[in-house]
Amino acid sequence: MSAAGLVIGIQLLSLHAGGGDLRTLTPGAYVQLESGATAGVYLNSHGRRSVFAGWTLEQGRWALTVGGVSGYPKAPAIPMLVPSYRLDSGLRIGIVPNPFGASVLHFSYEVRR
């Protein structure tokens, strides 16, 4: 299981469950190499810049990204685990589980080369 070609993604927005006063608009960009290596930057739900890096494993339309991300109040870097599903339109819907705060339904748009 690995990425199929180069993926360029634009992060759009995040819907939070149980998070209080968090931003919905979370713009950013990411790249996923054919090897599965993934990295990006975005404006997080706290209004701070976040940088992330990790690895994406894909099986058909399903993917799992595992890595680390910066920019959150809890620590300088925190673990990241994001299962997601890609629609025919290029829209990717991800779920960001957070047992310590707001879980997120995340939306991005991808172009595959």
PDB file of N, CA and C in Angstrom:
ATOM      1  N   MET A   1       0.839  -1.176   0.000  1.00  0.00           N
ATOM      2  CA  MET A   1       0.000   0.000   0.000  1.00  0.00           C
ATOM      3  C   MET A   1       0.882   1.236   0.000  1.00  0.00           C
ATOM      4  N   SER A   2       0.747   2.063  -1.018  1.00  0.00           N
ATOM      5  CA  SER A   2       1.472   3.321  -1.065  1.00  0.00           C
ATOM      6  C   SER A   2       0.718   4.286  -1.951  1.00  0.00           C
ATOM      7  N   ALA A   3       1.218   5.501  -2.026  1.00  0.00           N
ATOM      8  CA  ALA A   3       0.585   6.523  -2.839  1.00  0.00           C
ATOM      9  C   ALA A   3       0.749   6.199  -4.318  1.00  0.00           C
ATOM     10  N   ALA A   4      -0.186   6.662  -5.128  1.00  0.00           N
ATOM     11  CA  ALA A   4      -0.128   6.435  -6.569  1.00  0.00           C
ATOM     12  C   ALA A   4       0.234   7.743  -7.256  1.00  0.00           C
ATOM     13  N   GLY A   5       1.512   7.974  -7.525  1.00  0.00           N
ATOM     14  CA  GLY A   5       1.942   9.202  -8.174  1.00  0.00           C
ATOM     15  C   GLY A   5       2.036  10.358  -7.199  1.00  0.00           C
ATOM     16  N   LEU A   6       2.249  11.543  -7.749  1.00  0.00           N
ATOM     17  CA  LEU A   6       2.353  12.767  -6.962  1.00  0.00           C
ATOM     18  C   LEU A   6       0.959  13.312  -6.675  1.00  0.00           C
ATOM     19  N   VAL A   7       0.721  13.722  -5.437  1.00  0.00           N
ATOM     20  CA  VAL A   7      -0.548  14.325  -5.037  1.00  0.00           C
ATOM     21  C   VAL A   7      -0.262  15.720  -4.497  1.00  0.00           C
ATOM     22  N   ILE A   8      -1.011  16.705  -5.002  1.00  0.00           N
ATOM     23  CA  ILE A   8      -0.936  18.070  -4.471  1.00  0.00           C
ATOM     24  C   ILE A   8      -2.309  18.375  -3.898  1.00  0.00           C
ATOM     25  N   GLY A   9      -2.347  18.767  -2.632  1.00  0.00           N
ATOM     26  CA  GLY A   9      -3.613  18.996  -1.961  1.00  0.00           C
ATOM     27  C   GLY A   9      -3.752  20.406  -1.433  1.00  0.00           C
ATOM     28  N   ILE A  10      -4.977  20.888  -1.415  1.00  0.00           N
ATOM     29  CA  ILE A  10      -5.318  22.187  -0.829  1.00  0.00           C
ATOM     30  C   ILE A  10      -6.267  21.913   0.320  1.00  0.00           C
ATOM     31  N   GLN A  11      -5.868  22.308   1.510  1.00  0.00           N
ATOM     32  CA  GLN A  11      -6.724  22.135   2.682  1.00  0.00           C
ATOM     33  C   GLN A  11      -7.755  23.244   2.697  1.00  0.00           C
ATOM     34  N   LEU A  12      -8.997  22.883   3.006  1.00  0.00           N
ATOM     35  CA  LEU A  12     -10.096  23.828   2.901  1.00  0.00           C
ATOM     36  C   LEU A  12     -10.679  24.228   4.251  1.00  0.00           C
ATOM     37  N   LEU A  13     -11.328  23.283   4.922  1.00  0.00           N
ATOM     38  CA  LEU A  13     -11.981  23.629   6.189  1.00  0.00           C
ATOM     39  C   LEU A  13     -12.089  22.423   7.097  1.00  0.00           C
ATOM     40  N   SER A  14     -12.389  22.722   8.358  1.00  0.00           N
ATOM     41  CA  SER A  14     -12.494  21.698   9.390  1.00  0.00           C
ATOM     42  C   SER A  14     -13.740  21.948  10.230  1.00  0.00           C
ATOM     43  N   LEU A  15     -14.540  20.906  10.393  1.00  0.00           N
ATOM     44  CA  LEU A  15     -15.718  20.983  11.255  1.00  0.00           C
ATOM     45  C   LEU A  15     -15.397  20.256  12.553  1.00  0.00           C
ATOM     46  N   HIS A  16     -15.590  20.926  13.688  1.00  0.00           N
ATOM     47  CA  HIS A  16     -15.169  20.407  14.987  1.00  0.00           C
ATOM     48  C   HIS A  16     -16.346  19.866  15.794  1.00  0.00           C
ATOM     49  N   ALA A  17     -16.104  18.775  16.487  1.00  0.00           N
ATOM     50  CA  ALA A  17     -17.090  18.208  17.410  1.00  0.00           C
ATOM     51  C   ALA A  17     -16.572  18.405  18.828  1.00  0.00           C
ATOM     52  N   GLY A  18     -17.236  19.232  19.602  1.00  0.00           N
ATOM     53  CA  GLY A  18     -16.873  19.431  21.000  1.00  0.00           C
ATOM     54  C   GLY A  18     -15.655  20.298  21.214  1.00  0.00           C
ATOM     55  N   GLY A  19     -15.413  21.257  20.351  1.00  0.00           N
ATOM     56  CA  GLY A  19     -14.199  22.049  20.461  1.00  0.00           C
ATOM     57  C   GLY A  19     -14.367  23.472  20.907  1.00  0.00           C
ATOM     58  N   GLY A  20     -15.583  23.940  21.072  1.00  0.00           N
ATOM     59  CA  GLY A  20     -15.770  25.317  21.499  1.00  0.00           C
ATOM     60  C   GLY A  20     -15.505  26.297  20.376  1.00  0.00           C
ATOM     61  N   ASP A  21     -14.734  27.344  20.661  1.00  0.00           N
ATOM     62  CA  ASP A  21     -14.507  28.457  19.736  1.00  0.00           C
ATOM     63  C   ASP A  21     -13.275  28.207  18.854  1.00  0.00           C
ATOM     64  N   LEU A  22     -13.411  27.334  17.867  1.00  0.00           N
ATOM     65  CA  LEU A  22     -12.311  27.016  16.967  1.00  0.00           C
ATOM     66  C   LEU A  22     -12.663  27.447  15.548  1.00  0.00           C
ATOM     67  N   ARG A  23     -11.644  27.800  14.780  1.00  0.00           N
ATOM     68  CA  ARG A  23     -11.828  28.247  13.396  1.00  0.00           C
ATOM     69  C   ARG A  23     -12.275  27.089  12.502  1.00  0.00           C
ATOM     70  N   THR A  24     -13.169  27.382  11.587  1.00  0.00           N
ATOM     71  CA  THR A  24     -13.610  26.403  10.592  1.00  0.00           C
ATOM     72  C   THR A  24     -12.738  26.490   9.346  1.00  0.00           C
ATOM     73  N   LEU A  25     -12.394  27.710   8.927  1.00  0.00           N
ATOM     74  CA  LEU A  25     -11.550  27.905   7.755  1.00  0.00           C
ATOM     75  C   LEU A  25     -10.104  27.614   8.136  1.00  0.00           C
ATOM     76  N   THR A  26      -9.536  26.556   7.554  1.00  0.00           N
ATOM     77  CA  THR A  26      -8.179  26.112   7.882  1.00  0.00           C
ATOM     78  C   THR A  26      -7.370  25.914   6.591  1.00  0.00           C
ATOM     79  N   PRO A  27      -7.096  27.006   5.866  1.00  0.00           N
ATOM     80  CA  PRO A  27      -6.444  26.878   4.564  1.00  0.00           C
ATOM     81  C   PRO A  27      -4.998  26.412   4.673  1.00  0.00           C
ATOM     82  N   GLY A  28      -4.578  25.676   3.657  1.00  0.00           N
ATOM     83  CA  GLY A  28      -3.205  25.216   3.617  1.00  0.00           C
ATOM     84  C   GLY A  28      -2.949  24.413   2.357  1.00  0.00           C
ATOM     85  N   ALA A  29      -1.771  23.832   2.282  1.00  0.00           N
ATOM     86  CA  ALA A  29      -1.389  23.024   1.124  1.00  0.00           C
ATOM     87  C   ALA A  29      -0.490  21.888   1.584  1.00  0.00           C
ATOM     88  N   TYR A  30      -0.505  20.803   0.807  1.00  0.00           N
ATOM     89  CA  TYR A  30       0.358  19.668   1.122  1.00  0.00           C
ATOM     90  C   TYR A  30       0.759  18.962  -0.153  1.00  0.00           C
ATOM     91  N   VAL A  31       1.794  18.162  -0.032  1.00  0.00           N
ATOM     92  CA  VAL A  31       2.260  17.340  -1.134  1.00  0.00           C
ATOM     93  C   VAL A  31       2.469  15.928  -0.611  1.00  0.00           C
ATOM     94  N   GLN A  32       2.126  14.973  -1.453  1.00  0.00           N
ATOM     95  CA  GLN A  32       2.325  13.558  -1.121  1.00  0.00           C
ATOM     96  C   GLN A  32       3.094  12.943  -2.282  1.00  0.00           C
ATOM     97  N   LEU A  33       4.273  12.444  -1.995  1.00  0.00           N
ATOM     98  CA  LEU A  33       5.108  11.844  -3.029  1.00  0.00           C
ATOM     99  C   LEU A  33       4.655  10.426  -3.343  1.00  0.00           C
ATOM    100  N   GLU A  34       5.114   9.893  -4.455  1.00  0.00           N
ATOM    101  CA  GLU A  34       4.751   8.540  -4.860  1.00  0.00           C
ATOM    102  C   GLU A  34       5.122   7.511  -3.795  1.00  0.00           C
ATOM    103  N   SER A  35       6.183   7.788  -3.045  1.00  0.00           N
ATOM    104  CA  SER A  35       6.621   6.884  -1.982  1.00  0.00           C
ATOM    105  C   SER A  35       5.674   6.869  -0.784  1.00  0.00           C
ATOM    106  N   GLY A  36       4.799   7.883  -0.686  1.00  0.00           N
ATOM    107  CA  GLY A  36       3.903   8.018   0.460  1.00  0.00           C
ATOM    108  C   GLY A  36       4.330   9.116   1.421  1.00  0.00           C
ATOM    109  N   ALA A  37       5.576   9.615   1.300  1.00  0.00           N
ATOM    110  CA  ALA A  37       6.028  10.719   2.150  1.00  0.00           C
ATOM    111  C   ALA A  37       5.102  11.917   1.927  1.00  0.00           C
ATOM    112  N   THR A  38       4.650  12.525   3.024  1.00  0.00           N
ATOM    113  CA  THR A  38       3.648  13.583   2.965  1.00  0.00           C
ATOM    114  C   THR A  38       4.079  14.740   3.863  1.00  0.00           C
ATOM    115  N   ALA A  39       3.923  15.989   3.383  1.00  0.00           N
ATOM    116  CA  ALA A  39       4.261  17.168   4.188  1.00  0.00           C
ATOM    117  C   ALA A  39       3.396  18.341   3.754  1.00  0.00           C
ATOM    118  N   GLY A  40       3.131  19.240   4.706  1.00  0.00           N
ATOM    119  CA  GLY A  40       2.320  20.400   4.367  1.00  0.00           C
ATOM    120  C   GLY A  40       2.326  21.459   5.444  1.00  0.00           C
ATOM    121  N   VAL A  41       1.597  22.523   5.178  1.00  0.00           N
ATOM    122  CA  VAL A  41       1.471  23.650   6.101  1.00  0.00           C
ATOM    123  C   VAL A  41       0.040  24.172   6.001  1.00  0.00           C
ATOM    124  N   TYR A  42      -0.515  24.630   7.124  1.00  0.00           N
ATOM    125  CA  TYR A  42      -1.873  25.176   7.126  1.00  0.00           C
ATOM    126  C   TYR A  42      -2.077  26.095   8.319  1.00  0.00           C
ATOM    127  N   LEU A  43      -3.127  26.896   8.262  1.00  0.00           N
ATOM    128  CA  LEU A  43      -3.542  27.733   9.381  1.00  0.00           C
ATOM    129  C   LEU A  43      -4.500  26.890  10.201  1.00  0.00           C
ATOM    130  N   ASN A  44      -4.105  26.546  11.435  1.00  0.00           N
ATOM    131  CA  ASN A  44      -4.914  25.601  12.202  1.00  0.00           C
ATOM    132  C   ASN A  44      -6.131  26.254  12.857  1.00  0.00           C
ATOM    133  N   SER A  45      -6.892  25.468  13.549  1.00  0.00           N
ATOM    134  CA  SER A  45      -8.143  25.910  14.154  1.00  0.00           C
ATOM    135  C   SER A  45      -7.968  26.928  15.271  1.00  0.00           C
ATOM    136  N   HIS A  46      -6.729  27.092  15.747  1.00  0.00           N
ATOM    137  CA  HIS A  46      -6.419  28.090  16.775  1.00  0.00           C
ATOM    138  C   HIS A  46      -5.874  29.368  16.156  1.00  0.00           C
ATOM    139  N   GLY A  47      -5.824  29.435  14.828  1.00  0.00           N
ATOM    140  CA  GLY A  47      -5.294  30.608  14.138  1.00  0.00           C
ATOM    141  C   GLY A  47      -3.780  30.633  14.075  1.00  0.00           C
ATOM    142  N   ARG A  48      -3.141  29.508  14.306  1.00  0.00           N
ATOM    143  CA  ARG A  48      -1.682  29.400  14.275  1.00  0.00           C
ATOM    144  C   ARG A  48      -1.249  28.605  13.047  1.00  0.00           C
ATOM    145  N   ARG A  49      -0.011  28.853  12.604  1.00  0.00           N
ATOM    146  CA  ARG A  49       0.527  28.066  11.495  1.00  0.00           C
ATOM    147  C   ARG A  49       0.956  26.697  12.008  1.00  0.00           C
ATOM    148  N   SER A  50       0.542  25.667  11.295  1.00  0.00           N
ATOM    149  CA  SER A  50       0.952  24.299  11.606  1.00  0.00           C
ATOM    150  C   SER A  50       1.734  23.738  10.428  1.00  0.00           C
ATOM    151  N   VAL A  51       2.770  22.986  10.739  1.00  0.00           N
ATOM    152  CA  VAL A  51       3.565  22.272   9.742  1.00  0.00           C
ATOM    153  C   VAL A  51       3.473  20.794  10.098  1.00  0.00           C
ATOM    154  N   PHE A  52       3.275  19.946   9.080  1.00  0.00           N
ATOM    155  CA  PHE A  52       3.190  18.519   9.378  1.00  0.00           C
ATOM    156  C   PHE A  52       4.022  17.714   8.394  1.00  0.00           C
ATOM    157  N   ALA A  53       4.420  16.550   8.842  1.00  0.00           N
ATOM    158  CA  ALA A  53       5.157  15.601   8.000  1.00  0.00           C
ATOM    159  C   ALA A  53       4.790  14.203   8.456  1.00  0.00           C
ATOM    160  N   GLY A  54       4.782  13.296   7.501  1.00  0.00           N
ATOM    161  CA  GLY A  54       4.441  11.923   7.844  1.00  0.00           C
ATOM    162  C   GLY A  54       4.458  11.033   6.636  1.00  0.00           C
ATOM    163  N   TRP A  55       3.669  10.003   6.714  1.00  0.00           N
ATOM    164  CA  TRP A  55       3.607   8.971   5.692  1.00  0.00           C
ATOM    165  C   TRP A  55       2.146   8.650   5.423  1.00  0.00           C
ATOM    166  N   THR A  56       1.779   8.535   4.154  1.00  0.00           N
ATOM    167  CA  THR A  56       0.413   8.188   3.788  1.00  0.00           C
ATOM    168  C   THR A  56       0.397   6.827   3.107  1.00  0.00           C
ATOM    169  N   LEU A  57      -0.418   5.946   3.627  1.00  0.00           N
ATOM    170  CA  LEU A  57      -0.638   4.626   3.037  1.00  0.00           C
ATOM    171  C   LEU A  57      -2.016   4.639   2.401  1.00  0.00           C
ATOM    172  N   GLU A  58      -2.112   4.220   1.138  1.00  0.00           N
ATOM    173  CA  GLU A  58      -3.391   4.223   0.435  1.00  0.00           C
ATOM    174  C   GLU A  58      -3.784   2.824   0.001  1.00  0.00           C
ATOM    175  N   GLN A  59      -5.086   2.584   0.033  1.00  0.00           N
ATOM    176  CA  GLN A  59      -5.672   1.369  -0.502  1.00  0.00           C
ATOM    177  C   GLN A  59      -6.936   1.805  -1.227  1.00  0.00           C
ATOM    178  N   GLY A  60      -6.851   1.910  -2.562  1.00  0.00           N
ATOM    179  CA  GLY A  60      -7.989   2.426  -3.320  1.00  0.00           C
ATOM    180  C   GLY A  60      -8.247   3.874  -2.954  1.00  0.00           C
ATOM    181  N   ARG A  61      -9.481   4.178  -2.587  1.00  0.00           N
ATOM    182  CA  ARG A  61      -9.852   5.555  -2.219  1.00  0.00           C
ATOM    183  C   ARG A  61      -9.563   5.877  -0.745  1.00  0.00           C
ATOM    184  N   TRP A  62      -9.278   4.853   0.036  1.00  0.00           N
ATOM    185  CA  TRP A  62      -8.998   5.026   1.460  1.00  0.00           C
ATOM    186  C   TRP A  62      -7.524   5.341   1.679  1.00  0.00           C
ATOM    187  N   ALA A  63      -7.244   6.152   2.688  1.00  0.00           N
ATOM    188  CA  ALA A  63      -5.857   6.461   3.037  1.00  0.00           C
ATOM    189  C   ALA A  63      -5.737   6.616   4.549  1.00  0.00           C
ATOM    190  N   LEU A  64      -4.530   6.416   5.034  1.00  0.00           N
ATOM    191  CA  LEU A  64      -4.203   6.661   6.435  1.00  0.00           C
ATOM    192  C   LEU A  64      -2.890   7.428   6.460  1.00  0.00           C
ATOM    193  N   THR A  65      -2.922   8.637   7.021  1.00  0.00           N
ATOM    194  CA  THR A  65      -1.718   9.450   7.167  1.00  0.00           C
ATOM    195  C   THR A  65      -1.301   9.430   8.627  1.00  0.00           C
ATOM    196  N   VAL A  66      -0.045   9.079   8.869  1.00  0.00           N
ATOM    197  CA  VAL A  66       0.525   8.995  10.211  1.00  0.00           C
ATOM    198  C   VAL A  66       1.747   9.896  10.237  1.00  0.00           C
ATOM    199  N   GLY A  67       1.861  10.720  11.270  1.00  0.00           N
ATOM    200  CA  GLY A  67       3.021  11.604  11.352  1.00  0.00           C
ATOM    201  C   GLY A  67       2.959  12.488  12.574  1.00  0.00           C
ATOM    202  N   GLY A  68       3.497  13.690  12.431  1.00  0.00           N
ATOM    203  CA  GLY A  68       3.509  14.669  13.505  1.00  0.00           C
ATOM    204  C   GLY A  68       3.165  16.041  12.963  1.00  0.00           C
ATOM    205  N   VAL A  69       2.634  16.892  13.847  1.00  0.00           N
ATOM    206  CA  VAL A  69       2.219  18.236  13.450  1.00  0.00           C
ATOM    207  C   VAL A  69       2.575  19.232  14.550  1.00  0.00           C
ATOM    208  N   SER A  70       2.938  20.448  14.153  1.00  0.00           N
ATOM    209  CA  SER A  70       3.284  21.521  15.101  1.00  0.00           C
ATOM    210  C   SER A  70       2.157  22.551  15.157  1.00  0.00           C
ATOM    211  N   GLY A  71       2.293  23.515  16.061  1.00  0.00           N
ATOM    212  CA  GLY A  71       1.403  24.667  16.079  1.00  0.00           C
ATOM    213  C   GLY A  71       0.220  24.614  17.017  1.00  0.00           C
ATOM    214  N   TYR A  72       0.139  23.601  17.858  1.00  0.00           N
ATOM    215  CA  TYR A  72      -0.999  23.489  18.771  1.00  0.00           C
ATOM    216  C   TYR A  72      -0.572  23.802  20.201  1.00  0.00           C
ATOM    217  N   PRO A  73      -1.507  24.261  21.048  1.00  0.00           N
ATOM    218  CA  PRO A  73      -1.146  24.708  22.394  1.00  0.00           C
ATOM    219  C   PRO A  73      -0.606  23.616  23.324  1.00  0.00           C
ATOM    220  N   LYS A  74      -0.971  22.358  23.120  1.00  0.00           N
ATOM    221  CA  LYS A  74      -0.601  21.289  24.059  1.00  0.00           C
ATOM    222  C   LYS A  74       0.889  20.991  24.112  1.00  0.00           C
ATOM    223  N   ALA A  75       1.575  21.070  22.940  1.00  0.00           N
ATOM    224  CA  ALA A  75       2.998  20.714  22.876  1.00  0.00           C
ATOM    225  C   ALA A  75       3.585  21.262  21.581  1.00  0.00           C
ATOM    226  N   PRO A  76       4.909  21.393  21.511  1.00  0.00           N
ATOM    227  CA  PRO A  76       5.541  21.890  20.281  1.00  0.00           C
ATOM    228  C   PRO A  76       5.233  21.019  19.054  1.00  0.00           C
ATOM    229  N   ALA A  77       5.091  19.714  19.260  1.00  0.00           N
ATOM    230  CA  ALA A  77       4.707  18.793  18.184  1.00  0.00           C
ATOM    231  C   ALA A  77       3.853  17.690  18.793  1.00  0.00           C
ATOM    232  N   ILE A  78       2.834  17.290  18.065  1.00  0.00           N
ATOM    233  CA  ILE A  78       1.946  16.229  18.546  1.00  0.00           C
ATOM    234  C   ILE A  78       1.787  15.163  17.449  1.00  0.00           C
ATOM    235  N   PRO A  79       1.455  13.940  17.834  1.00  0.00           N
ATOM    236  CA  PRO A  79       1.237  12.888  16.840  1.00  0.00           C
ATOM    237  C   PRO A  79      -0.009  13.182  16.003  1.00  0.00           C
ATOM    238  N   MET A  80      -0.004  12.682  14.795  1.00  0.00           N
ATOM    239  CA  MET A  80      -1.115  12.895  13.868  1.00  0.00           C
ATOM    240  C   MET A  80      -1.509  11.541  13.267  1.00  0.00           C
ATOM    241  N   LEU A  81      -2.797  11.248  13.283  1.00  0.00           N
ATOM    242  CA  LEU A  81      -3.337  10.025  12.703  1.00  0.00           C
ATOM    243  C   LEU A  81      -4.632  10.417  11.999  1.00  0.00           C
ATOM    244  N   VAL A  82      -4.641  10.342  10.661  1.00  0.00           N
ATOM    245  CA  VAL A  82      -5.788  10.821   9.896  1.00  0.00           C
ATOM    246  C   VAL A  82      -6.245   9.784   8.868  1.00  0.00           C
ATOM    247  N   PRO A  83      -7.308   9.046   9.155  1.00  0.00           N
ATOM    248  CA  PRO A  83      -7.911   8.213   8.122  1.00  0.00           C
ATOM    249  C   PRO A  83      -8.765   9.104   7.209  1.00  0.00           C
ATOM    250  N   SER A  84      -8.806   8.783   5.906  1.00  0.00           N
ATOM    251  CA  SER A  84      -9.560   9.626   4.983  1.00  0.00           C
ATOM    252  C   SER A  84     -10.078   8.829   3.798  1.00  0.00           C
ATOM    253  N   TYR A  85     -10.990   9.468   3.049  1.00  0.00           N
ATOM    254  CA  TYR A  85     -11.603   8.857   1.873  1.00  0.00           C
ATOM    255  C   TYR A  85     -11.662   9.904   0.763  1.00  0.00           C
ATOM    256  N   ARG A  86     -11.270   9.532  -0.462  1.00  0.00           N
ATOM    257  CA  ARG A  86     -11.260  10.436  -1.611  1.00  0.00           C
ATOM    258  C   ARG A  86     -12.457  10.160  -2.511  1.00  0.00           C
ATOM    259  N   LEU A  87     -13.196  11.219  -2.843  1.00  0.00           N
ATOM    260  CA  LEU A  87     -14.336  11.122  -3.757  1.00  0.00           C
ATOM    261  C   LEU A  87     -13.861  11.292  -5.201  1.00  0.00           C
ATOM    262  N   ASP A  88     -14.704  10.925  -6.179  1.00  0.00           N
ATOM    263  CA  ASP A  88     -14.370  11.082  -7.599  1.00  0.00           C
ATOM    264  C   ASP A  88     -14.015  12.522  -7.957  1.00  0.00           C
ATOM    265  N   SER A  89     -14.618  13.476  -7.289  1.00  0.00           N
ATOM    266  CA  SER A  89     -14.411  14.891  -7.578  1.00  0.00           C
ATOM    267  C   SER A  89     -13.029  15.394  -7.187  1.00  0.00           C
ATOM    268  N   GLY A  90     -12.269  14.609  -6.413  1.00  0.00           N
ATOM    269  CA  GLY A  90     -10.984  15.060  -5.889  1.00  0.00           C
ATOM    270  C   GLY A  90     -11.080  15.535  -4.448  1.00  0.00           C
ATOM    271  N   LEU A  91     -12.306  15.664  -3.949  1.00  0.00           N
ATOM    272  CA  LEU A  91     -12.504  16.047  -2.548  1.00  0.00           C
ATOM    273  C   LEU A  91     -12.081  14.888  -1.657  1.00  0.00           C
ATOM    274  N   ARG A  92     -11.283  15.178  -0.625  1.00  0.00           N
ATOM    275  CA  ARG A  92     -10.876  14.173   0.356  1.00  0.00           C
ATOM    276  C   ARG A  92     -11.488  14.571   1.693  1.00  0.00           C
ATOM    277  N   ILE A  93     -12.121  13.602   2.351  1.00  0.00           N
ATOM    278  CA  ILE A  93     -12.744  13.821   3.652  1.00  0.00           C
ATOM    279  C   ILE A  93     -11.961  13.007   4.673  1.00  0.00           C
ATOM    280  N   GLY A  94     -11.441  13.692   5.687  1.00  0.00           N
ATOM    281  CA  GLY A  94     -10.656  13.026   6.707  1.00  0.00           C
ATOM    282  C   GLY A  94     -11.277  13.174   8.079  1.00  0.00           C
ATOM    283  N   ILE A  95     -10.968  12.238   8.936  1.00  0.00           N
ATOM    284  CA  ILE A  95     -11.406  12.298  10.330  1.00  0.00           C
ATOM    285  C   ILE A  95     -10.162  12.387  11.191  1.00  0.00           C
ATOM    286  N   VAL A  96     -10.104  13.430  12.015  1.00  0.00           N
ATOM    287  CA  VAL A  96      -8.962  13.618  12.908  1.00  0.00           C
ATOM    288  C   VAL A  96      -9.457  13.359  14.326  1.00  0.00           C
ATOM    289  N   PRO A  97      -9.221  12.141  14.841  1.00  0.00           N
ATOM    290  CA  PRO A  97      -9.684  11.838  16.196  1.00  0.00           C
ATOM    291  C   PRO A  97      -8.826  12.559  17.230  1.00  0.00           C
ATOM    292  N   ASN A  98      -9.474  13.074  18.258  1.00  0.00           N
ATOM    293  CA  ASN A  98      -8.747  13.750  19.328  1.00  0.00           C
ATOM    294  C   ASN A  98      -9.399  13.394  20.663  1.00  0.00           C
ATOM    295  N   PRO A  99      -8.830  12.454  21.404  1.00  0.00           N
ATOM    296  CA  PRO A  99      -9.441  12.055  22.679  1.00  0.00           C
ATOM    297  C   PRO A  99      -9.318  13.122  23.768  1.00  0.00           C
ATOM    298  N   PHE A 100      -8.497  14.174  23.534  1.00  0.00           N
ATOM    299  CA  PHE A 100      -8.261  15.195  24.558  1.00  0.00           C
ATOM    300  C   PHE A 100      -8.937  16.524  24.245  1.00  0.00           C
ATOM    301  N   GLY A 101      -9.660  16.609  23.131  1.00  0.00           N
ATOM    302  CA  GLY A 101     -10.274  17.874  22.738  1.00  0.00           C
ATOM    303  C   GLY A 101     -11.274  17.645  21.622  1.00  0.00           C
ATOM    304  N   ALA A 102     -11.260  18.538  20.638  1.00  0.00           N
ATOM    305  CA  ALA A 102     -12.227  18.483  19.548  1.00  0.00           C
ATOM    306  C   ALA A 102     -11.774  17.540  18.445  1.00  0.00           C
ATOM    307  N   SER A 103     -12.595  16.566  18.126  1.00  0.00           N
ATOM    308  CA  SER A 103     -12.344  15.753  16.944  1.00  0.00           C
ATOM    309  C   SER A 103     -12.807  16.544  15.729  1.00  0.00           C
ATOM    310  N   VAL A 104     -12.258  16.209  14.553  1.00  0.00           N
ATOM    311  CA  VAL A 104     -12.450  17.056  13.381  1.00  0.00           C
ATOM    312  C   VAL A 104     -12.868  16.230  12.168  1.00  0.00           C
ATOM    313  N   LEU A 105     -13.792  16.787  11.399  1.00  0.00           N
ATOM    314  CA  LEU A 105     -14.105  16.302  10.066  1.00  0.00           C
ATOM    315  C   LEU A 105     -13.446  17.306   9.134  1.00  0.00           C
ATOM    316  N   HIS A 106     -12.460  16.854   8.364  1.00  0.00           N
ATOM    317  CA  HIS A 106     -11.601  17.757   7.592  1.00  0.00           C
ATOM    318  C   HIS A 106     -11.825  17.556   6.098  1.00  0.00           C
ATOM    319  N   PHE A 107     -11.814  18.655   5.341  1.00  0.00           N
ATOM    320  CA  PHE A 107     -12.041  18.618   3.901  1.00  0.00           C
ATOM    321  C   PHE A 107     -10.863  19.221   3.161  1.00  0.00           C
ATOM    322  N   SER A 108     -10.410  18.524   2.113  1.00  0.00           N
ATOM    323  CA  SER A 108      -9.354  19.049   1.254  1.00  0.00           C
ATOM    324  C   SER A 108      -9.667  18.652  -0.179  1.00  0.00           C
ATOM    325  N   TYR A 109      -8.956  19.272  -1.120  1.00  0.00           N
ATOM    326  CA  TYR A 109      -9.122  18.961  -2.540  1.00  0.00           C
ATOM    327  C   TYR A 109      -7.759  18.546  -3.081  1.00  0.00           C
ATOM    328  N   GLU A 110      -7.730  17.443  -3.846  1.00  0.00           N
ATOM    329  CA  GLU A 110      -6.468  16.915  -4.352  1.00  0.00           C
ATOM    330  C   GLU A 110      -6.424  16.857  -5.869  1.00  0.00           C
ATOM    331  N   VAL A 111      -5.219  17.098  -6.383  1.00  0.00           N
ATOM    332  CA  VAL A 111      -4.903  16.881  -7.792  1.00  0.00           C
ATOM    333  C   VAL A 111      -3.843  15.810  -7.822  1.00  0.00           C
ATOM    334  N   ARG A 112      -4.065  14.792  -8.636  1.00  0.00           N
ATOM    335  CA  ARG A 112      -3.121  13.674  -8.737  1.00  0.00           C
ATOM    336  C   ARG A 112      -2.427  13.729 -10.085  1.00  0.00           C
ATOM    337  N   ARG A 113      -1.112  13.513 -10.077  1.00  0.00           N
ATOM    338  CA  ARG A 113      -0.315  13.537 -11.322  1.00  0.00           C
ATOM    339  C   ARG A 113       0.354  12.210 -11.531  1.00  0.00           C
TER     340      ARG A 113
END
